[in-house]
């Protein structure tokens, strides 16, 4: 079973959402856009979420570690640089692998 860390972007909000899943990623994005995670969830604010970047992870635990690491950066510039520079993606991916 595949596990992913994913970053969604909303043009309307001009914001990113970072998540992890171990099921069908396309279905996950559809669920975010349909508001299926509850009215109080951040992604329910709008329905224009598109996949910005994804990481194929070794397992769900790795996906969660990577999600938390990216969230801890608290930076849209960092997220844009992840998409732009493979060496940054490779570094954070390797740092979050289990030791």
C-alpha atoms as a PDB file:
ATOM      1  CA  UNK A   1       0.000   0.000   0.000  1.00  0.00           C
ATOM      2  CA  UNK A   2       1.324   3.427  -0.929  1.00  0.00           C
ATOM      3  CA  UNK A   3       1.763   6.231   1.557  1.00  0.00           C
ATOM      4  CA  UNK A   4       2.117   9.875   0.659  1.00  0.00           C
ATOM      5  CA  UNK A   5       2.870  13.267   2.087  1.00  0.00           C
ATOM      6  CA  UNK A   6       1.077  15.807  -0.049  1.00  0.00           C
ATOM      7  CA  UNK A   7       0.832  19.557  -0.344  1.00  0.00           C
ATOM      8  CA  UNK A   8      -2.318  21.127  -1.725  1.00  0.00           C
ATOM      9  CA  UNK A   9      -2.677  24.714  -2.871  1.00  0.00           C
ATOM     10  CA  UNK A  10      -5.752  26.920  -3.025  1.00  0.00           C
ATOM     11  CA  UNK A  11      -5.635  29.831  -5.457  1.00  0.00           C
ATOM     12  CA  UNK A  12      -8.642  31.432  -3.773  1.00  0.00           C
ATOM     13  CA  UNK A  13      -6.943  31.446  -0.343  1.00  0.00           C
ATOM     14  CA  UNK A  14      -3.396  31.603  -1.726  1.00  0.00           C
ATOM     15  CA  UNK A  15      -2.508  29.072   0.947  1.00  0.00           C
ATOM     16  CA  UNK A  16      -1.082  25.591   1.240  1.00  0.00           C
ATOM     17  CA  UNK A  17      -2.335  22.551   3.109  1.00  0.00           C
ATOM     18  CA  UNK A  18       0.035  19.738   4.077  1.00  0.00           C
ATOM     19  CA  UNK A  19      -1.253  16.248   4.766  1.00  0.00           C
ATOM     20  CA  UNK A  20      -0.406  12.567   4.780  1.00  0.00           C
ATOM     21  CA  UNK A  21      -2.370   9.540   3.656  1.00  0.00           C
ATOM     22  CA  UNK A  22      -1.997   5.837   3.080  1.00  0.00           C
ATOM     23  CA  UNK A  23      -4.871   5.426   0.677  1.00  0.00           C
ATOM     24  CA  UNK A  24      -5.827   6.753  -2.738  1.00  0.00           C
ATOM     25  CA  UNK A  25      -4.401  10.281  -2.978  1.00  0.00           C
ATOM     26  CA  UNK A  26      -6.802  11.386  -5.721  1.00  0.00           C
ATOM     27  CA  UNK A  27      -9.758  10.348  -3.535  1.00  0.00           C
ATOM     28  CA  UNK A  28      -8.208  12.211  -0.606  1.00  0.00           C
ATOM     29  CA  UNK A  29      -8.027  15.449  -2.635  1.00  0.00           C
ATOM     30  CA  UNK A  30     -11.603  14.951  -3.817  1.00  0.00           C
ATOM     31  CA  UNK A  31     -12.677  14.524  -0.181  1.00  0.00           C
ATOM     32  CA  UNK A  32     -10.906  17.771   0.799  1.00  0.00           C
ATOM     33  CA  UNK A  33     -12.676  19.653  -1.998  1.00  0.00           C
ATOM     34  CA  UNK A  34     -16.046  18.132  -1.072  1.00  0.00           C
ATOM     35  CA  UNK A  35     -15.675  19.140   2.596  1.00  0.00           C
ATOM     36  CA  UNK A  36     -15.872  15.515   3.786  1.00  0.00           C
ATOM     37  CA  UNK A  37     -13.517  16.146   6.724  1.00  0.00           C
ATOM     38  CA  UNK A  38     -16.017  18.352   8.550  1.00  0.00           C
ATOM     39  CA  UNK A  39     -17.076  21.973   8.450  1.00  0.00           C
ATOM     40  CA  UNK A  40     -14.385  22.941  10.960  1.00  0.00           C
ATOM     41  CA  UNK A  41     -11.497  21.487   8.959  1.00  0.00           C
ATOM     42  CA  UNK A  42      -9.159  23.988   7.321  1.00  0.00           C
ATOM     43  CA  UNK A  43      -9.730  22.598   3.830  1.00  0.00           C
ATOM     44  CA  UNK A  44     -13.516  23.058   4.080  1.00  0.00           C
ATOM     45  CA  UNK A  45     -13.027  26.833   3.679  1.00  0.00           C
ATOM     46  CA  UNK A  46     -12.808  26.434  -0.112  1.00  0.00           C
ATOM     47  CA  UNK A  47     -13.089  23.753  -2.771  1.00  0.00           C
ATOM     48  CA  UNK A  48     -10.319  24.655  -5.209  1.00  0.00           C
ATOM     49  CA  UNK A  49      -7.538  22.526  -3.687  1.00  0.00           C
ATOM     50  CA  UNK A  50      -5.097  21.159  -6.256  1.00  0.00           C
ATOM     51  CA  UNK A  51      -2.069  18.970  -5.772  1.00  0.00           C
ATOM     52  CA  UNK A  52       1.042  21.140  -5.540  1.00  0.00           C
ATOM     53  CA  UNK A  53       3.596  18.508  -4.545  1.00  0.00           C
ATOM     54  CA  UNK A  54       3.637  14.912  -3.338  1.00  0.00           C
ATOM     55  CA  UNK A  55       6.189  12.597  -1.807  1.00  0.00           C
ATOM     56  CA  UNK A  56       5.959   8.823  -2.163  1.00  0.00           C
ATOM     57  CA  UNK A  57       6.960   7.595   1.289  1.00  0.00           C
ATOM     58  CA  UNK A  58       8.299   4.283   2.552  1.00  0.00           C
ATOM     59  CA  UNK A  59       5.338   3.804   4.893  1.00  0.00           C
ATOM     60  CA  UNK A  60       2.641   5.800   6.678  1.00  0.00           C
ATOM     61  CA  UNK A  61       4.927   6.577   9.644  1.00  0.00           C
ATOM     62  CA  UNK A  62       7.441   8.135   7.256  1.00  0.00           C
ATOM     63  CA  UNK A  63       4.652  10.151   5.600  1.00  0.00           C
ATOM     64  CA  UNK A  64       3.604  11.535   9.001  1.00  0.00           C
ATOM     65  CA  UNK A  65       7.197  12.458   9.961  1.00  0.00           C
ATOM     66  CA  UNK A  66       7.657  14.242   6.648  1.00  0.00           C
ATOM     67  CA  UNK A  67       4.315  16.051   7.008  1.00  0.00           C
ATOM     68  CA  UNK A  68       5.258  17.287  10.492  1.00  0.00           C
ATOM     69  CA  UNK A  69       8.705  18.415   9.335  1.00  0.00           C
ATOM     70  CA  UNK A  70       7.260  20.469   6.474  1.00  0.00           C
ATOM     71  CA  UNK A  71       4.569  21.946   8.743  1.00  0.00           C
ATOM     72  CA  UNK A  72       7.223  22.902  11.304  1.00  0.00           C
ATOM     73  CA  UNK A  73       8.885  25.151   8.727  1.00  0.00           C
ATOM     74  CA  UNK A  74       5.759  27.355   8.704  1.00  0.00           C
ATOM     75  CA  UNK A  75       6.795  28.899   5.399  1.00  0.00           C
ATOM     76  CA  UNK A  76       5.148  29.164   2.010  1.00  0.00           C
ATOM     77  CA  UNK A  77       8.538  30.193   0.606  1.00  0.00           C
ATOM     78  CA  UNK A  78       9.995  26.920   1.885  1.00  0.00           C
ATOM     79  CA  UNK A  79       7.130  24.973   0.290  1.00  0.00           C
ATOM     80  CA  UNK A  80       7.643  26.741  -3.042  1.00  0.00           C
ATOM     81  CA  UNK A  81      11.373  25.965  -2.800  1.00  0.00           C
ATOM     82  CA  UNK A  82      10.562  22.291  -2.177  1.00  0.00           C
ATOM     83  CA  UNK A  83       8.784  22.251  -5.525  1.00  0.00           C
ATOM     84  CA  UNK A  84      11.583  24.147  -7.221  1.00  0.00           C
ATOM     85  CA  UNK A  85      14.723  22.413  -5.898  1.00  0.00           C
ATOM     86  CA  UNK A  86      15.172  18.634  -5.949  1.00  0.00           C
ATOM     87  CA  UNK A  87      18.078  18.818  -3.482  1.00  0.00           C
ATOM     88  CA  UNK A  88      15.808  20.317  -0.784  1.00  0.00           C
ATOM     89  CA  UNK A  89      13.192  17.614  -1.417  1.00  0.00           C
ATOM     90  CA  UNK A  90      15.836  14.901  -1.247  1.00  0.00           C
ATOM     91  CA  UNK A  91      17.293  16.299   1.980  1.00  0.00           C
ATOM     92  CA  UNK A  92      13.993  16.513   3.879  1.00  0.00           C
ATOM     93  CA  UNK A  93      12.921  13.101   2.562  1.00  0.00           C
ATOM     94  CA  UNK A  94      16.127  11.494   3.798  1.00  0.00           C
ATOM     95  CA  UNK A  95      16.050  13.340   7.145  1.00  0.00           C
ATOM     96  CA  UNK A  96      12.591  11.975   7.921  1.00  0.00           C
ATOM     97  CA  UNK A  97      13.266   8.332   7.040  1.00  0.00           C
ATOM     98  CA  UNK A  98      13.353   6.045  10.055  1.00  0.00           C
ATOM     99  CA  UNK A  99      16.782   5.563  11.553  1.00  0.00           C
END
